[in-house]
Amino acid sequence: KTDFINFISDQEWKSIEPVSSWFGPSSFLMSSMSALFQLSMWIRHCHGYLTETVGIPVWGSYAIFALATLFSGLILGLVSETLNVSLAS
């Protein structure tokens, strides 16, 4: 507590360089990082629901997430190629 009070009263805060806008809390990078953490928490919640409430074994839950990852990659790839072909013509 004393160090913090001295930091303010002695104006030591003036010697610290501000955070770059690239790493600021509202930057695209930090917003993306936040979304990634929220996604991981949602996946953890779904895994808990599948294993504890529904009663699927842990390996079954992993298999479901693996298939969901494969299918979402397939769909994103198809959409990406469709857009590339339509933009090229």
PDB file of N, CA and C in Angstrom:
ATOM      1  N   LYS A   1       0.833  -1.181   0.000  1.00  0.00           N
ATOM      2  CA  LYS A   1       0.000   0.000   0.000  1.00  0.00           C
ATOM      3  C   LYS A   1       0.874   1.240   0.000  1.00  0.00           C
ATOM      4  N   THR A   2       1.916   1.224   0.789  1.00  0.00           N
ATOM      5  CA  THR A   2       2.812   2.373   0.883  1.00  0.00           C
ATOM      6  C   THR A   2       3.516   2.625  -0.451  1.00  0.00           C
ATOM      7  N   ASP A   3       3.937   1.546  -1.109  1.00  0.00           N
ATOM      8  CA  ASP A   3       4.594   1.697  -2.405  1.00  0.00           C
ATOM      9  C   ASP A   3       3.667   2.345  -3.428  1.00  0.00           C
ATOM     10  N   PHE A   4       2.403   1.954  -3.411  1.00  0.00           N
ATOM     11  CA  PHE A   4       1.446   2.531  -4.346  1.00  0.00           C
ATOM     12  C   PHE A   4       1.228   4.014  -4.067  1.00  0.00           C
ATOM     13  N   ILE A   5       1.097   4.370  -2.822  1.00  0.00           N
ATOM     14  CA  ILE A   5       0.914   5.781  -2.449  1.00  0.00           C
ATOM     15  C   ILE A   5       2.142   6.597  -2.862  1.00  0.00           C
ATOM     16  N   ASN A   6       3.334   6.050  -2.633  1.00  0.00           N
ATOM     17  CA  ASN A   6       4.557   6.746  -3.058  1.00  0.00           C
ATOM     18  C   ASN A   6       4.626   6.856  -4.579  1.00  0.00           C
ATOM     19  N   PHE A   7       4.171   5.847  -5.264  1.00  0.00           N
ATOM     20  CA  PHE A   7       4.161   5.849  -6.726  1.00  0.00           C
ATOM     21  C   PHE A   7       3.311   7.004  -7.253  1.00  0.00           C
ATOM     22  N   ILE A   8       2.195   7.255  -6.592  1.00  0.00           N
ATOM     23  CA  ILE A   8       1.305   8.345  -7.006  1.00  0.00           C
ATOM     24  C   ILE A   8       1.829   9.698  -6.527  1.00  0.00           C
ATOM     25  N   SER A   9       2.170   9.795  -5.277  1.00  0.00           N
ATOM     26  CA  SER A   9       2.573  11.096  -4.715  1.00  0.00           C
ATOM     27  C   SER A   9       3.910  11.585  -5.280  1.00  0.00           C
ATOM     28  N   ASP A  10       4.834  10.666  -5.571  1.00  0.00           N
ATOM     29  CA  ASP A  10       6.130  11.069  -6.144  1.00  0.00           C
ATOM     30  C   ASP A  10       6.082  11.189  -7.664  1.00  0.00           C
ATOM     31  N   GLN A  11       4.916  10.948  -8.235  1.00  0.00           N
ATOM     32  CA  GLN A  11       4.676  11.029  -9.680  1.00  0.00           C
ATOM     33  C   GLN A  11       5.624  10.131 -10.478  1.00  0.00           C
ATOM     34  N   GLU A  12       5.891   8.964  -9.938  1.00  0.00           N
ATOM     35  CA  GLU A  12       6.716   7.988 -10.642  1.00  0.00           C
ATOM     36  C   GLU A  12       6.010   7.450 -11.874  1.00  0.00           C
ATOM     37  N   TRP A  13       4.700   7.568 -11.928  1.00  0.00           N
ATOM     38  CA  TRP A  13       3.926   7.076 -13.050  1.00  0.00           C
ATOM     39  C   TRP A  13       4.269   7.806 -14.340  1.00  0.00           C
ATOM     40  N   LYS A  14       4.823   9.004 -14.240  1.00  0.00           N
ATOM     41  CA  LYS A  14       5.182   9.769 -15.440  1.00  0.00           C
ATOM     42  C   LYS A  14       6.342   9.130 -16.199  1.00  0.00           C
ATOM     43  N   SER A  15       7.161   8.358 -15.519  1.00  0.00           N
ATOM     44  CA  SER A  15       8.326   7.755 -16.172  1.00  0.00           C
ATOM     45  C   SER A  15       7.989   6.445 -16.892  1.00  0.00           C
ATOM     46  N   ILE A  16       6.766   5.966 -16.773  1.00  0.00           N
ATOM     47  CA  ILE A  16       6.364   4.710 -17.411  1.00  0.00           C
ATOM     48  C   ILE A  16       5.769   5.014 -18.777  1.00  0.00           C
ATOM     49  N   GLU A  17       6.238   4.273 -19.785  1.00  0.00           N
ATOM     50  CA  GLU A  17       5.718   4.467 -21.136  1.00  0.00           C
ATOM     51  C   GLU A  17       4.318   3.871 -21.237  1.00  0.00           C
ATOM     52  N   PRO A  18       3.425   4.551 -21.965  1.00  0.00           N
ATOM     53  CA  PRO A  18       2.064   4.015 -22.109  1.00  0.00           C
ATOM     54  C   PRO A  18       2.054   2.735 -22.952  1.00  0.00           C
ATOM     55  N   VAL A  19       1.009   1.955 -22.777  1.00  0.00           N
ATOM     56  CA  VAL A  19       0.852   0.717 -23.527  1.00  0.00           C
ATOM     57  C   VAL A  19       0.553   1.057 -24.978  1.00  0.00           C
ATOM     58  N   SER A  20       1.184   0.342 -25.895  1.00  0.00           N
ATOM     59  CA  SER A  20       0.945   0.544 -27.320  1.00  0.00           C
ATOM     60  C   SER A  20      -0.522   0.290 -27.639  1.00  0.00           C
ATOM     61  N   SER A  21      -1.048   1.000 -28.617  1.00  0.00           N
ATOM     62  CA  SER A  21      -2.454   0.805 -28.987  1.00  0.00           C
ATOM     63  C   SER A  21      -2.687  -0.605 -29.507  1.00  0.00           C
ATOM     64  N   TRP A  22      -1.630  -1.247 -30.019  1.00  0.00           N
ATOM     65  CA  TRP A  22      -1.738  -2.617 -30.513  1.00  0.00           C
ATOM     66  C   TRP A  22      -2.075  -3.585 -29.377  1.00  0.00           C
ATOM     67  N   PHE A  23      -1.583  -3.288 -28.170  1.00  0.00           N
ATOM     68  CA  PHE A  23      -1.822  -4.151 -27.013  1.00  0.00           C
ATOM     69  C   PHE A  23      -2.835  -3.560 -26.042  1.00  0.00           C
ATOM     70  N   GLY A  24      -3.516  -2.504 -26.432  1.00  0.00           N
ATOM     71  CA  GLY A  24      -4.517  -1.890 -25.564  1.00  0.00           C
ATOM     72  C   GLY A  24      -5.710  -2.812 -25.360  1.00  0.00           C
ATOM     73  N   PRO A  25      -6.455  -2.615 -24.306  1.00  0.00           N
ATOM     74  CA  PRO A  25      -7.590  -3.493 -23.992  1.00  0.00           C
ATOM     75  C   PRO A  25      -8.666  -3.536 -25.078  1.00  0.00           C
ATOM     76  N   SER A  26      -8.828  -2.464 -25.841  1.00  0.00           N
ATOM     77  CA  SER A  26      -9.877  -2.438 -26.857  1.00  0.00           C
ATOM     78  C   SER A  26      -9.343  -2.704 -28.262  1.00  0.00           C
ATOM     79  N   SER A  27      -8.092  -3.128 -28.383  1.00  0.00           N
ATOM     80  CA  SER A  27      -7.522  -3.392 -29.706  1.00  0.00           C
ATOM     81  C   SER A  27      -8.091  -4.687 -30.288  1.00  0.00           C
ATOM     82  N   PHE A  28      -7.923  -4.853 -31.590  1.00  0.00           N
ATOM     83  CA  PHE A  28      -8.394  -6.055 -32.263  1.00  0.00           C
ATOM     84  C   PHE A  28      -7.711  -7.302 -31.699  1.00  0.00           C
ATOM     85  N   LEU A  29      -6.429  -7.197 -31.425  1.00  0.00           N
ATOM     86  CA  LEU A  29      -5.669  -8.335 -30.898  1.00  0.00           C
ATOM     87  C   LEU A  29      -6.219  -8.799 -29.552  1.00  0.00           C
ATOM     88  N   MET A  30      -6.436  -7.869 -28.642  1.00  0.00           N
ATOM     89  CA  MET A  30      -6.926  -8.237 -27.313  1.00  0.00           C
ATOM     90  C   MET A  30      -8.392  -8.675 -27.353  1.00  0.00           C
ATOM     91  N   SER A  31      -9.189  -8.087 -28.238  1.00  0.00           N
ATOM     92  CA  SER A  31     -10.580  -8.536 -28.385  1.00  0.00           C
ATOM     93  C   SER A  31     -10.629  -9.958 -28.921  1.00  0.00           C
ATOM     94  N   SER A  32      -9.732 -10.267 -29.862  1.00  0.00           N
ATOM     95  CA  SER A  32      -9.661 -11.627 -30.392  1.00  0.00           C
ATOM     96  C   SER A  32      -9.209 -12.609 -29.324  1.00  0.00           C
ATOM     97  N   MET A  33      -8.249 -12.195 -28.518  1.00  0.00           N
ATOM     98  CA  MET A  33      -7.772 -13.055 -27.434  1.00  0.00           C
ATOM     99  C   MET A  33      -8.895 -13.319 -26.435  1.00  0.00           C
ATOM    100  N   SER A  34      -9.675 -12.303 -26.127  1.00  0.00           N
ATOM    101  CA  SER A  34     -10.805 -12.463 -25.216  1.00  0.00           C
ATOM    102  C   SER A  34     -11.832 -13.434 -25.791  1.00  0.00           C
ATOM    103  N   ALA A  35     -12.118 -13.312 -27.088  1.00  0.00           N
ATOM    104  CA  ALA A  35     -13.072 -14.218 -27.729  1.00  0.00           C
ATOM    105  C   ALA A  35     -12.556 -15.650 -27.701  1.00  0.00           C
ATOM    106  N   LEU A  36     -11.254 -15.833 -27.867  1.00  0.00           N
ATOM    107  CA  LEU A  36     -10.674 -17.168 -27.813  1.00  0.00           C
ATOM    108  C   LEU A  36     -10.824 -17.785 -26.419  1.00  0.00           C
ATOM    109  N   PHE A  37     -10.595 -16.987 -25.379  1.00  0.00           N
ATOM    110  CA  PHE A  37     -10.775 -17.490 -24.015  1.00  0.00           C
ATOM    111  C   PHE A  37     -12.241 -17.808 -23.725  1.00  0.00           C
ATOM    112  N   GLN A  38     -13.152 -16.974 -24.239  1.00  0.00           N
ATOM    113  CA  GLN A  38     -14.571 -17.251 -24.041  1.00  0.00           C
ATOM    114  C   GLN A  38     -14.987 -18.528 -24.756  1.00  0.00           C
ATOM    115  N   LEU A  39     -14.429 -18.757 -25.952  1.00  0.00           N
ATOM    116  CA  LEU A  39     -14.717 -19.981 -26.682  1.00  0.00           C
ATOM    117  C   LEU A  39     -14.210 -21.201 -25.915  1.00  0.00           C
ATOM    118  N   SER A  40     -13.021 -21.095 -25.349  1.00  0.00           N
ATOM    119  CA  SER A  40     -12.477 -22.227 -24.597  1.00  0.00           C
ATOM    120  C   SER A  40     -13.320 -22.525 -23.356  1.00  0.00           C
ATOM    121  N   MET A  41     -13.840 -21.499 -22.714  1.00  0.00           N
ATOM    122  CA  MET A  41     -14.705 -21.727 -21.555  1.00  0.00           C
ATOM    123  C   MET A  41     -16.032 -22.356 -21.978  1.00  0.00           C
ATOM    124  N   TRP A  42     -16.554 -21.962 -23.139  1.00  0.00           N
ATOM    125  CA  TRP A  42     -17.786 -22.551 -23.648  1.00  0.00           C
ATOM    126  C   TRP A  42     -17.567 -24.027 -23.973  1.00  0.00           C
ATOM    127  N   ILE A  43     -16.425 -24.354 -24.596  1.00  0.00           N
ATOM    128  CA  ILE A  43     -16.110 -25.743 -24.909  1.00  0.00           C
ATOM    129  C   ILE A  43     -15.973 -26.558 -23.631  1.00  0.00           C
ATOM    130  N   ARG A  44     -15.341 -25.978 -22.623  1.00  0.00           N
ATOM    131  CA  ARG A  44     -15.202 -26.670 -21.332  1.00  0.00           C
ATOM    132  C   ARG A  44     -16.577 -26.933 -20.708  1.00  0.00           C
ATOM    133  N   HIS A  45     -17.459 -25.938 -20.800  1.00  0.00           N
ATOM    134  CA  HIS A  45     -18.812 -26.100 -20.271  1.00  0.00           C
ATOM    135  C   HIS A  45     -19.548 -27.214 -21.021  1.00  0.00           C
ATOM    136  N   CYS A  46     -19.429 -27.227 -22.347  1.00  0.00           N
ATOM    137  CA  CYS A  46     -20.082 -28.270 -23.148  1.00  0.00           C
ATOM    138  C   CYS A  46     -19.520 -29.647 -22.817  1.00  0.00           C
ATOM    139  N   HIS A  47     -18.218 -29.741 -22.636  1.00  0.00           N
ATOM    140  CA  HIS A  47     -17.594 -31.015 -22.273  1.00  0.00           C
ATOM    141  C   HIS A  47     -18.132 -31.504 -20.919  1.00  0.00           C
ATOM    142  N   GLY A  48     -18.230 -30.602 -19.961  1.00  0.00           N
ATOM    143  CA  GLY A  48     -18.783 -30.965 -18.654  1.00  0.00           C
ATOM    144  C   GLY A  48     -20.228 -31.416 -18.759  1.00  0.00           C
ATOM    145  N   TYR A  49     -21.016 -30.725 -19.584  1.00  0.00           N
ATOM    146  CA  TYR A  49     -22.412 -31.108 -19.777  1.00  0.00           C
ATOM    147  C   TYR A  49     -22.514 -32.501 -20.394  1.00  0.00           C
ATOM    148  N   LEU A  50     -21.695 -32.738 -21.433  1.00  0.00           N
ATOM    149  CA  LEU A  50     -21.754 -34.034 -22.115  1.00  0.00           C
ATOM    150  C   LEU A  50     -21.323 -35.182 -21.213  1.00  0.00           C
ATOM    151  N   THR A  51     -20.293 -34.960 -20.409  1.00  0.00           N
ATOM    152  CA  THR A  51     -19.783 -36.060 -19.579  1.00  0.00           C
ATOM    153  C   THR A  51     -20.557 -36.234 -18.279  1.00  0.00           C
ATOM    154  N   GLU A  52     -20.987 -35.153 -17.658  1.00  0.00           N
ATOM    155  CA  GLU A  52     -21.636 -35.247 -16.350  1.00  0.00           C
ATOM    156  C   GLU A  52     -23.149 -35.395 -16.443  1.00  0.00           C
ATOM    157  N   THR A  53     -23.790 -34.607 -17.303  1.00  0.00           N
ATOM    158  CA  THR A  53     -25.248 -34.618 -17.374  1.00  0.00           C
ATOM    159  C   THR A  53     -25.758 -35.697 -18.319  1.00  0.00           C
ATOM    160  N   VAL A  54     -25.191 -35.729 -19.528  1.00  0.00           N
ATOM    161  CA  VAL A  54     -25.657 -36.685 -20.530  1.00  0.00           C
ATOM    162  C   VAL A  54     -25.093 -38.075 -20.264  1.00  0.00           C
ATOM    163  N   GLY A  55     -23.892 -38.143 -19.695  1.00  0.00           N
ATOM    164  CA  GLY A  55     -23.293 -39.432 -19.362  1.00  0.00           C
ATOM    165  C   GLY A  55     -22.411 -40.023 -20.445  1.00  0.00           C
ATOM    166  N   ILE A  56     -22.022 -39.216 -21.400  1.00  0.00           N
ATOM    167  CA  ILE A  56     -21.117 -39.688 -22.459  1.00  0.00           C
ATOM    168  C   ILE A  56     -19.719 -39.828 -21.864  1.00  0.00           C
ATOM    169  N   PRO A  57     -18.991 -40.896 -22.211  1.00  0.00           N
ATOM    170  CA  PRO A  57     -17.625 -41.019 -21.694  1.00  0.00           C
ATOM    171  C   PRO A  57     -16.728 -39.894 -22.215  1.00  0.00           C
ATOM    172  N   VAL A  58     -15.641 -39.666 -21.517  1.00  0.00           N
ATOM    173  CA  VAL A  58     -14.734 -38.574 -21.886  1.00  0.00           C
ATOM    174  C   VAL A  58     -14.244 -38.742 -23.314  1.00  0.00           C
ATOM    175  N   TRP A  59     -13.870 -39.968 -23.705  1.00  0.00           N
ATOM    176  CA  TRP A  59     -13.384 -40.180 -25.070  1.00  0.00           C
ATOM    177  C   TRP A  59     -14.477 -39.887 -26.093  1.00  0.00           C
ATOM    178  N   GLY A  60     -15.735 -40.120 -25.728  1.00  0.00           N
ATOM    179  CA  GLY A  60     -16.855 -39.803 -26.622  1.00  0.00           C
ATOM    180  C   GLY A  60     -17.015 -38.304 -26.819  1.00  0.00           C
ATOM    181  N   SER A  61     -16.829 -37.562 -25.736  1.00  0.00           N
ATOM    182  CA  SER A  61     -16.894 -36.113 -25.829  1.00  0.00           C
ATOM    183  C   SER A  61     -15.776 -35.582 -26.722  1.00  0.00           C
ATOM    184  N   TYR A  62     -14.569 -36.151 -26.544  1.00  0.00           N
ATOM    185  CA  TYR A  62     -13.448 -35.745 -27.396  1.00  0.00           C
ATOM    186  C   TYR A  62     -13.732 -36.068 -28.864  1.00  0.00           C
ATOM    187  N   ALA A  63     -14.348 -37.211 -29.109  1.00  0.00           N
ATOM    188  CA  ALA A  63     -14.684 -37.598 -30.480  1.00  0.00           C
ATOM    189  C   ALA A  63     -15.697 -36.627 -31.091  1.00  0.00           C
ATOM    190  N   ILE A  64     -16.670 -36.207 -30.291  1.00  0.00           N
ATOM    191  CA  ILE A  64     -17.668 -35.244 -30.772  1.00  0.00           C
ATOM    192  C   ILE A  64     -16.997 -33.928 -31.139  1.00  0.00           C
ATOM    193  N   PHE A  65     -16.092 -33.446 -30.291  1.00  0.00           N
ATOM    194  CA  PHE A  65     -15.401 -32.193 -30.585  1.00  0.00           C
ATOM    195  C   PHE A  65     -14.465 -32.339 -31.784  1.00  0.00           C
ATOM    196  N   ALA A  66     -13.859 -33.503 -31.946  1.00  0.00           N
ATOM    197  CA  ALA A  66     -12.993 -33.725 -33.111  1.00  0.00           C
ATOM    198  C   ALA A  66     -13.811 -33.704 -34.395  1.00  0.00           C
ATOM    199  N   LEU A  67     -14.954 -34.360 -34.396  1.00  0.00           N
ATOM    200  CA  LEU A  67     -15.818 -34.350 -35.574  1.00  0.00           C
ATOM    201  C   LEU A  67     -16.362 -32.952 -35.860  1.00  0.00           C
ATOM    202  N   ALA A  68     -16.731 -32.231 -34.814  1.00  0.00           N
ATOM    203  CA  ALA A  68     -17.215 -30.860 -35.001  1.00  0.00           C
ATOM    204  C   ALA A  68     -16.121 -29.980 -35.606  1.00  0.00           C
ATOM    205  N   THR A  69     -14.871 -30.180 -35.172  1.00  0.00           N
ATOM    206  CA  THR A  69     -13.753 -29.427 -35.729  1.00  0.00           C
ATOM    207  C   THR A  69     -13.544 -29.767 -37.199  1.00  0.00           C
ATOM    208  N   LEU A  70     -13.595 -31.062 -37.533  1.00  0.00           N
ATOM    209  CA  LEU A  70     -13.434 -31.473 -38.926  1.00  0.00           C
ATOM    210  C   LEU A  70     -14.543 -30.915 -39.823  1.00  0.00           C
ATOM    211  N   PHE A  71     -15.782 -31.017 -39.370  1.00  0.00           N
ATOM    212  CA  PHE A  71     -16.892 -30.523 -40.177  1.00  0.00           C
ATOM    213  C   PHE A  71     -16.886 -29.005 -40.312  1.00  0.00           C
ATOM    214  N   SER A  72     -16.528 -28.295 -39.246  1.00  0.00           N
ATOM    215  CA  SER A  72     -16.466 -26.833 -39.359  1.00  0.00           C
ATOM    216  C   SER A  72     -15.338 -26.420 -40.298  1.00  0.00           C
ATOM    217  N   GLY A  73     -14.209 -27.139 -40.276  1.00  0.00           N
ATOM    218  CA  GLY A  73     -13.134 -26.852 -41.226  1.00  0.00           C
ATOM    219  C   GLY A  73     -13.560 -27.125 -42.647  1.00  0.00           C
ATOM    220  N   LEU A  74     -14.303 -28.211 -42.856  1.00  0.00           N
ATOM    221  CA  LEU A  74     -14.819 -28.538 -44.177  1.00  0.00           C
ATOM    222  C   LEU A  74     -15.752 -27.445 -44.684  1.00  0.00           C
ATOM    223  N   ILE A  75     -16.667 -27.016 -43.848  1.00  0.00           N
ATOM    224  CA  ILE A  75     -17.627 -25.978 -44.240  1.00  0.00           C
ATOM    225  C   ILE A  75     -16.916 -24.657 -44.524  1.00  0.00           C
ATOM    226  N   LEU A  76     -15.983 -24.262 -43.645  1.00  0.00           N
ATOM    227  CA  LEU A  76     -15.250 -23.016 -43.877  1.00  0.00           C
ATOM    228  C   LEU A  76     -14.417 -23.085 -45.160  1.00  0.00           C
ATOM    229  N   GLY A  77     -13.819 -24.255 -45.432  1.00  0.00           N
ATOM    230  CA  GLY A  77     -13.059 -24.422 -46.667  1.00  0.00           C
ATOM    231  C   GLY A  77     -13.937 -24.318 -47.896  1.00  0.00           C
ATOM    232  N   LEU A  78     -15.112 -24.938 -47.841  1.00  0.00           N
ATOM    233  CA  LEU A  78     -16.029 -24.865 -48.979  1.00  0.00           C
ATOM    234  C   LEU A  78     -16.521 -23.433 -49.203  1.00  0.00           C
ATOM    235  N   VAL A  79     -16.848 -22.744 -48.137  1.00  0.00           N
ATOM    236  CA  VAL A  79     -17.291 -21.348 -48.259  1.00  0.00           C
ATOM    237  C   VAL A  79     -16.168 -20.483 -48.824  1.00  0.00           C
ATOM    238  N   SER A  80     -14.956 -20.699 -48.329  1.00  0.00           N
ATOM    239  CA  SER A  80     -13.814 -19.923 -48.805  1.00  0.00           C
ATOM    240  C   SER A  80     -13.566 -20.155 -50.291  1.00  0.00           C
ATOM    241  N   GLU A  81     -13.605 -21.403 -50.724  1.00  0.00           N
ATOM    242  CA  GLU A  81     -13.384 -21.704 -52.140  1.00  0.00           C
ATOM    243  C   GLU A  81     -14.519 -21.180 -53.004  1.00  0.00           C
ATOM    244  N   THR A  82     -15.746 -21.257 -52.513  1.00  0.00           N
ATOM    245  CA  THR A  82     -16.880 -20.722 -53.257  1.00  0.00           C
ATOM    246  C   THR A  82     -16.724 -19.219 -53.452  1.00  0.00           C
ATOM    247  N   LEU A  83     -16.306 -18.527 -52.407  1.00  0.00           N
ATOM    248  CA  LEU A  83     -16.100 -17.088 -52.518  1.00  0.00           C
ATOM    249  C   LEU A  83     -14.948 -16.760 -53.468  1.00  0.00           C
ATOM    250  N   ASN A  84     -13.876 -17.535 -53.425  1.00  0.00           N
ATOM    251  CA  ASN A  84     -12.746 -17.312 -54.318  1.00  0.00           C
ATOM    252  C   ASN A  84     -13.153 -17.509 -55.769  1.00  0.00           C
ATOM    253  N   VAL A  85     -13.920 -18.562 -56.042  1.00  0.00           N
ATOM    254  CA  VAL A  85     -14.346 -18.825 -57.418  1.00  0.00           C
ATOM    255  C   VAL A  85     -15.295 -17.740 -57.900  1.00  0.00           C
ATOM    256  N   SER A  86     -16.217 -17.315 -57.037  1.00  0.00           N
ATOM    257  CA  SER A  86     -17.178 -16.285 -57.461  1.00  0.00           C
ATOM    258  C   SER A  86     -16.503 -14.926 -57.643  1.00  0.00           C
ATOM    259  N   LEU A  87     -15.478 -14.623 -56.856  1.00  0.00           N
ATOM    260  CA  LEU A  87     -14.761 -13.355 -57.021  1.00  0.00           C
ATOM    261  C   LEU A  87     -13.840 -13.371 -58.236  1.00  0.00           C
ATOM    262  N   ALA A  88     -13.325 -14.552 -58.592  1.00  0.00           N
ATOM    263  CA  ALA A  88     -12.409 -14.664 -59.720  1.00  0.00           C
ATOM    264  C   ALA A  88     -13.146 -14.540 -61.052  1.00  0.00           C
ATOM    265  N   SER A  89     -14.415 -14.886 -61.078  1.00  0.00           N
ATOM    266  CA  SER A  89     -15.142 -14.822 -62.352  1.00  0.00           C
ATOM    267  C   SER A  89     -15.914 -13.555 -62.541  1.00  0.00           C
TER     268      SER A  89
END
